[in-house]
C-alpha atoms as a PDB file:
ATOM      1  CA  MET A   1     -11.742  11.024 -14.102  1.00  0.00           C
ATOM      2  CA  PRO A   2      -9.422   9.008 -16.423  1.00  0.00           C
ATOM      3  CA  GLY A   3      -6.557   7.052 -14.909  1.00  0.00           C
ATOM      4  CA  ALA A   4      -4.494   3.889 -14.934  1.00  0.00           C
ATOM      5  CA  GLN A   5      -3.848   0.878 -12.724  1.00  0.00           C
ATOM      6  CA  VAL A   6      -0.785  -1.335 -13.071  1.00  0.00           C
ATOM      7  CA  VAL A   7      -0.308  -4.973 -12.054  1.00  0.00           C
ATOM      8  CA  LEU A   8       3.478  -5.390 -11.694  1.00  0.00           C
ATOM      9  CA  LEU A   9       4.379  -9.096 -11.728  1.00  0.00           C
ATOM     10  CA  ASP A  10       7.690 -10.552 -10.596  1.00  0.00           C
ATOM     11  CA  SER A  11       9.168 -13.853 -11.810  1.00  0.00           C
ATOM     12  CA  ALA A  12       7.169 -15.766  -9.170  1.00  0.00           C
ATOM     13  CA  GLU A  13       3.899 -14.230 -10.494  1.00  0.00           C
ATOM     14  CA  HIS A  14       3.565 -12.144  -7.337  1.00  0.00           C
ATOM     15  CA  VAL A  15       2.032  -8.670  -7.606  1.00  0.00           C
ATOM     16  CA  LEU A  16       3.545  -5.497  -6.172  1.00  0.00           C
ATOM     17  CA  PHE A  17       1.150  -3.993  -3.622  1.00  0.00           C
ATOM     18  CA  GLN A  18       1.485  -0.716  -1.762  1.00  0.00           C
ATOM     19  CA  ARG A  19      -0.248   0.527   1.379  1.00  0.00           C
ATOM     20  CA  ARG A  20      -1.771   4.008   1.091  1.00  0.00           C
ATOM     21  CA  SER A  21      -0.882   6.557   3.742  1.00  0.00           C
ATOM     22  CA  ASP A  22      -4.289   8.282   3.646  1.00  0.00           C
ATOM     23  CA  SER A  23      -6.486   5.210   4.179  1.00  0.00           C
ATOM     24  CA  GLY A  24      -4.101   2.425   5.215  1.00  0.00           C
ATOM     25  CA  LEU A  25      -5.561   0.235   2.455  1.00  0.00           C
ATOM     26  CA  TRP A  26      -3.418  -1.881   0.138  1.00  0.00           C
ATOM     27  CA  GLU A  27      -3.621  -1.322  -3.613  1.00  0.00           C
ATOM     28  CA  ILE A  28      -1.608  -1.614  -6.798  1.00  0.00           C
ATOM     29  CA  PRO A  29       0.102   1.426  -8.353  1.00  0.00           C
ATOM     30  CA  ALA A  30      -2.700   3.579  -9.743  1.00  0.00           C
ATOM     31  CA  GLY A  31      -3.796   7.130 -10.197  1.00  0.00           C
ATOM     32  CA  ALA A  32      -5.538   9.810 -12.157  1.00  0.00           C
ATOM     33  CA  ALA A  33      -4.271  11.295 -15.388  1.00  0.00           C
ATOM     34  CA  GLU A  34      -2.928  14.824 -15.391  1.00  0.00           C
ATOM     35  CA  PRO A  35      -4.572  17.204 -17.885  1.00  0.00           C
ATOM     36  CA  GLY A  36      -3.261  16.260 -21.333  1.00  0.00           C
ATOM     37  CA  GLY A  37      -2.032  12.869 -20.087  1.00  0.00           C
ATOM     38  CA  SER A  38      -2.642   9.485 -21.685  1.00  0.00           C
ATOM     39  CA  PHE A  39      -3.436   6.100 -20.163  1.00  0.00           C
ATOM     40  CA  VAL A  40       0.074   4.783 -20.914  1.00  0.00           C
ATOM     41  CA  GLY A  41       1.735   7.970 -19.691  1.00  0.00           C
ATOM     42  CA  THR A  42      -0.325   7.881 -16.505  1.00  0.00           C
ATOM     43  CA  ALA A  43       0.624   4.242 -15.866  1.00  0.00           C
ATOM     44  CA  ILE A  44       4.326   5.045 -16.308  1.00  0.00           C
ATOM     45  CA  ASP A  45       4.084   8.147 -14.107  1.00  0.00           C
ATOM     46  CA  GLU A  46       2.138   6.466 -11.295  1.00  0.00           C
ATOM     47  CA  VAL A  47       4.511   3.491 -11.096  1.00  0.00           C
ATOM     48  CA  ARG A  48       7.512   5.851 -10.951  1.00  0.00           C
ATOM     49  CA  GLU A  49       5.911   8.289  -8.496  1.00  0.00           C
ATOM     50  CA  GLU A  50       4.576   5.649  -6.102  1.00  0.00           C
ATOM     51  CA  THR A  51       7.271   2.951  -6.250  1.00  0.00           C
ATOM     52  CA  GLY A  52      10.386   4.521  -7.774  1.00  0.00           C
ATOM     53  CA  LEU A  53      10.391   1.882 -10.528  1.00  0.00           C
ATOM     54  CA  ILE A  54      10.696   2.717 -14.225  1.00  0.00           C
ATOM     55  CA  VAL A  55       8.365   0.986 -16.685  1.00  0.00           C
ATOM     56  CA  ASP A  56       8.700   1.456 -20.435  1.00  0.00           C
ATOM     57  CA  GLY A  57       5.444   1.979 -22.303  1.00  0.00           C
ATOM     58  CA  SER A  58       6.278  -0.889 -24.652  1.00  0.00           C
ATOM     59  CA  ASP A  59       6.283  -3.246 -21.633  1.00  0.00           C
ATOM     60  CA  LEU A  60       2.731  -2.344 -20.615  1.00  0.00           C
ATOM     61  CA  VAL A  61       0.018  -4.750 -21.752  1.00  0.00           C
ATOM     62  CA  ALA A  62      -3.555  -3.463 -21.498  1.00  0.00           C
ATOM     63  CA  PHE A  63      -5.747  -6.231 -20.119  1.00  0.00           C
ATOM     64  CA  GLY A  64      -8.860  -4.361 -19.053  1.00  0.00           C
ATOM     65  CA  CYS A  65     -10.815  -1.197 -18.465  1.00  0.00           C
ATOM     66  CA  LEU A  66     -12.531  -0.418 -15.184  1.00  0.00           C
ATOM     67  CA  SER A  67     -15.392   2.065 -15.413  1.00  0.00           C
ATOM     68  CA  GLU A  68     -18.632   0.679 -13.976  1.00  0.00           C
ATOM     69  CA  PRO A  69     -19.876   3.010 -11.236  1.00  0.00           C
ATOM     70  CA  ASP A  70     -20.564   0.130  -8.829  1.00  0.00           C
ATOM     71  CA  ALA A  71     -16.864  -0.743  -9.001  1.00  0.00           C
ATOM     72  CA  HIS A  72     -15.095   2.533  -9.587  1.00  0.00           C
ATOM     73  CA  VAL A  73     -16.710   5.419  -7.753  1.00  0.00           C
ATOM     74  CA  ILE A  74     -14.200   6.339  -5.076  1.00  0.00           C
ATOM     75  CA  THR A  75     -14.845   8.322  -1.919  1.00  0.00           C
ATOM     76  CA  TYR A  76     -11.563   9.782  -0.724  1.00  0.00           C
ATOM     77  CA  PRO A  77     -10.745  10.322   2.978  1.00  0.00           C
ATOM     78  CA  ASN A  78     -11.462  14.061   2.565  1.00  0.00           C
ATOM     79  CA  GLY A  79     -15.012  13.260   1.354  1.00  0.00           C
ATOM     80  CA  ASP A  80     -14.476  13.909  -2.364  1.00  0.00           C
ATOM     81  CA  ARG A  81     -16.299  11.409  -4.632  1.00  0.00           C
ATOM     82  CA  MET A  82     -15.037  10.619  -8.128  1.00  0.00           C
ATOM     83  CA  HIS A  83     -16.277   8.312 -10.859  1.00  0.00           C
ATOM     84  CA  CYS A  84     -13.042   7.009 -12.329  1.00  0.00           C
ATOM     85  CA  PHE A  85     -12.311   5.331 -15.661  1.00  0.00           C
ATOM     86  CA  ALA A  86      -9.058   3.359 -15.578  1.00  0.00           C
ATOM     87  CA  MET A  87      -7.128   1.444 -18.187  1.00  0.00           C
ATOM     88  CA  CYS A  88      -5.594  -1.584 -16.482  1.00  0.00           C
ATOM     89  CA  PHE A  89      -2.120  -2.717 -17.477  1.00  0.00           C
ATOM     90  CA  GLU A  90       0.167  -5.642 -16.729  1.00  0.00           C
ATOM     91  CA  ALA A  91       3.941  -5.145 -16.596  1.00  0.00           C
ATOM     92  CA  ARG A  92       6.519  -7.887 -16.183  1.00  0.00           C
ATOM     93  CA  ARG A  93       9.624  -5.766 -16.801  1.00  0.00           C
ATOM     94  CA  TRP A  94      10.868  -2.650 -15.096  1.00  0.00           C
ATOM     95  CA  SER A  95      14.109  -1.115 -13.907  1.00  0.00           C
ATOM     96  CA  GLY A  96      15.263   0.693 -10.805  1.00  0.00           C
ATOM     97  CA  VAL A  97      15.020   0.089  -7.091  1.00  0.00           C
ATOM     98  CA  ILE A  98      11.783   0.155  -5.136  1.00  0.00           C
ATOM     99  CA  GLU A  99      11.638   3.406  -3.211  1.00  0.00           C
ATOM    100  CA  PRO A 100       8.079   4.081  -2.023  1.00  0.00           C
ATOM    101  CA  GLU A 101       6.899   7.680  -2.248  1.00  0.00           C
ATOM    102  CA  SER A 102       6.906   8.774   1.393  1.00  0.00           C
ATOM    103  CA  THR A 103       3.806  10.993   1.446  1.00  0.00           C
ATOM    104  CA  GLU A 104       1.439   8.588  -0.359  1.00  0.00           C
ATOM    105  CA  VAL A 105       2.850   5.125   0.334  1.00  0.00           C
ATOM    106  CA  LEU A 106       3.576   3.589   3.760  1.00  0.00           C
ATOM    107  CA  GLU A 107       5.058   0.312   2.533  1.00  0.00           C
ATOM    108  CA  VAL A 108       5.271  -2.005  -0.462  1.00  0.00           C
ATOM    109  CA  ALA A 109       5.304  -5.784  -0.755  1.00  0.00           C
ATOM    110  CA  PHE A 110       5.116  -8.455  -3.424  1.00  0.00           C
ATOM    111  CA  ALA A 111       2.353 -10.973  -2.676  1.00  0.00           C
ATOM    112  CA  ASP A 112       0.439 -13.778  -4.334  1.00  0.00           C
ATOM    113  CA  PRO A 113      -2.583 -12.112  -5.984  1.00  0.00           C
ATOM    114  CA  ALA A 114      -4.788 -14.921  -4.636  1.00  0.00           C
ATOM    115  CA  THR A 115      -3.856 -13.890  -1.084  1.00  0.00           C
ATOM    116  CA  PRO A 116      -3.178 -10.149  -1.212  1.00  0.00           C
ATOM    117  CA  PRO A 117      -2.341  -8.107   1.866  1.00  0.00           C
ATOM    118  CA  GLY A 118      -5.277  -6.488   3.577  1.00  0.00           C
ATOM    119  CA  PRO A 119      -7.317  -4.594   4.023  1.00  0.00           C
ATOM    120  CA  LEU A 120      -7.458  -4.186   0.257  1.00  0.00           C
ATOM    121  CA  GLN A 121      -8.729  -1.167  -1.691  1.00  0.00           C
ATOM    122  CA  PRO A 122     -12.069  -2.381  -3.215  1.00  0.00           C
ATOM    123  CA  GLN A 123     -11.104  -1.362  -6.757  1.00  0.00           C
ATOM    124  CA  THR A 124      -7.864  -3.326  -6.469  1.00  0.00           C
ATOM    125  CA  ARG A 125      -9.801  -6.502  -5.739  1.00  0.00           C
ATOM    126  CA  VAL A 126     -11.848  -5.936  -8.925  1.00  0.00           C
ATOM    127  CA  VAL A 127      -8.694  -5.317 -10.989  1.00  0.00           C
ATOM    128  CA  LEU A 128      -7.108  -8.513  -9.626  1.00  0.00           C
ATOM    129  CA  GLU A 129     -10.245 -10.466 -10.603  1.00  0.00           C
ATOM    130  CA  MET A 130     -10.134  -8.918 -14.080  1.00  0.00           C
ATOM    131  CA  HIS A 131      -6.437  -9.734 -14.413  1.00  0.00           C
ATOM    132  CA  ASN A 132      -7.033 -13.343 -13.412  1.00  0.00           C
ATOM    133  CA  ALA A 133      -9.838 -13.637 -15.984  1.00  0.00           C
ATOM    134  CA  TYR A 134      -7.558 -12.112 -18.631  1.00  0.00           C
ATOM    135  CA  ARG A 135      -4.798 -14.614 -17.818  1.00  0.00           C
ATOM    136  CA  LEU A 136      -7.252 -17.527 -18.039  1.00  0.00           C
ATOM    137  CA  THR A 137      -8.977 -16.438 -21.261  1.00  0.00           C
ATOM    138  CA  GLY A 138      -6.582 -14.070 -23.033  1.00  0.00           C
ATOM    139  CA  ARG A 139      -9.545 -11.752 -23.531  1.00  0.00           C
ATOM    140  CA  PHE A 140      -9.585  -8.038 -22.713  1.00  0.00           C
ATOM    141  CA  GLN A 141     -11.774  -7.428 -19.664  1.00  0.00           C
ATOM    142  CA  ALA A 142     -14.246  -4.560 -19.250  1.00  0.00           C
ATOM    143  CA  ARG A 143     -16.055  -3.757 -16.056  1.00  0.00           C
END
């Protein structure tokens, strides 16, 4: 299943996290592509749908791709298992007001990525590690 994950950074280098209503776990805005969707389009849509914020595609910087089955096979609360392939983006600019989507998101918070809120969605931890490696090396990360 193709999808996107987005690390939204504020001016203090804090990341926007959201707590899922189905599992109670914290994650970054992320989701699966709709049929015919693209990675960039999915990133834009998921940020808007889950947080209410508007990100322009030109402000998304791809820093990694998450696809390894040990890191990105997800078992959903209903028992469905999916092997996901996600393009990971960084965004430092957006517009709008944070308005969490009430059926999927319980709350949102900016936090230091070194000390994220918990419990954390396992894939989010991997994406944060990849993002940190990207920031240190400037190299695209693949996992």
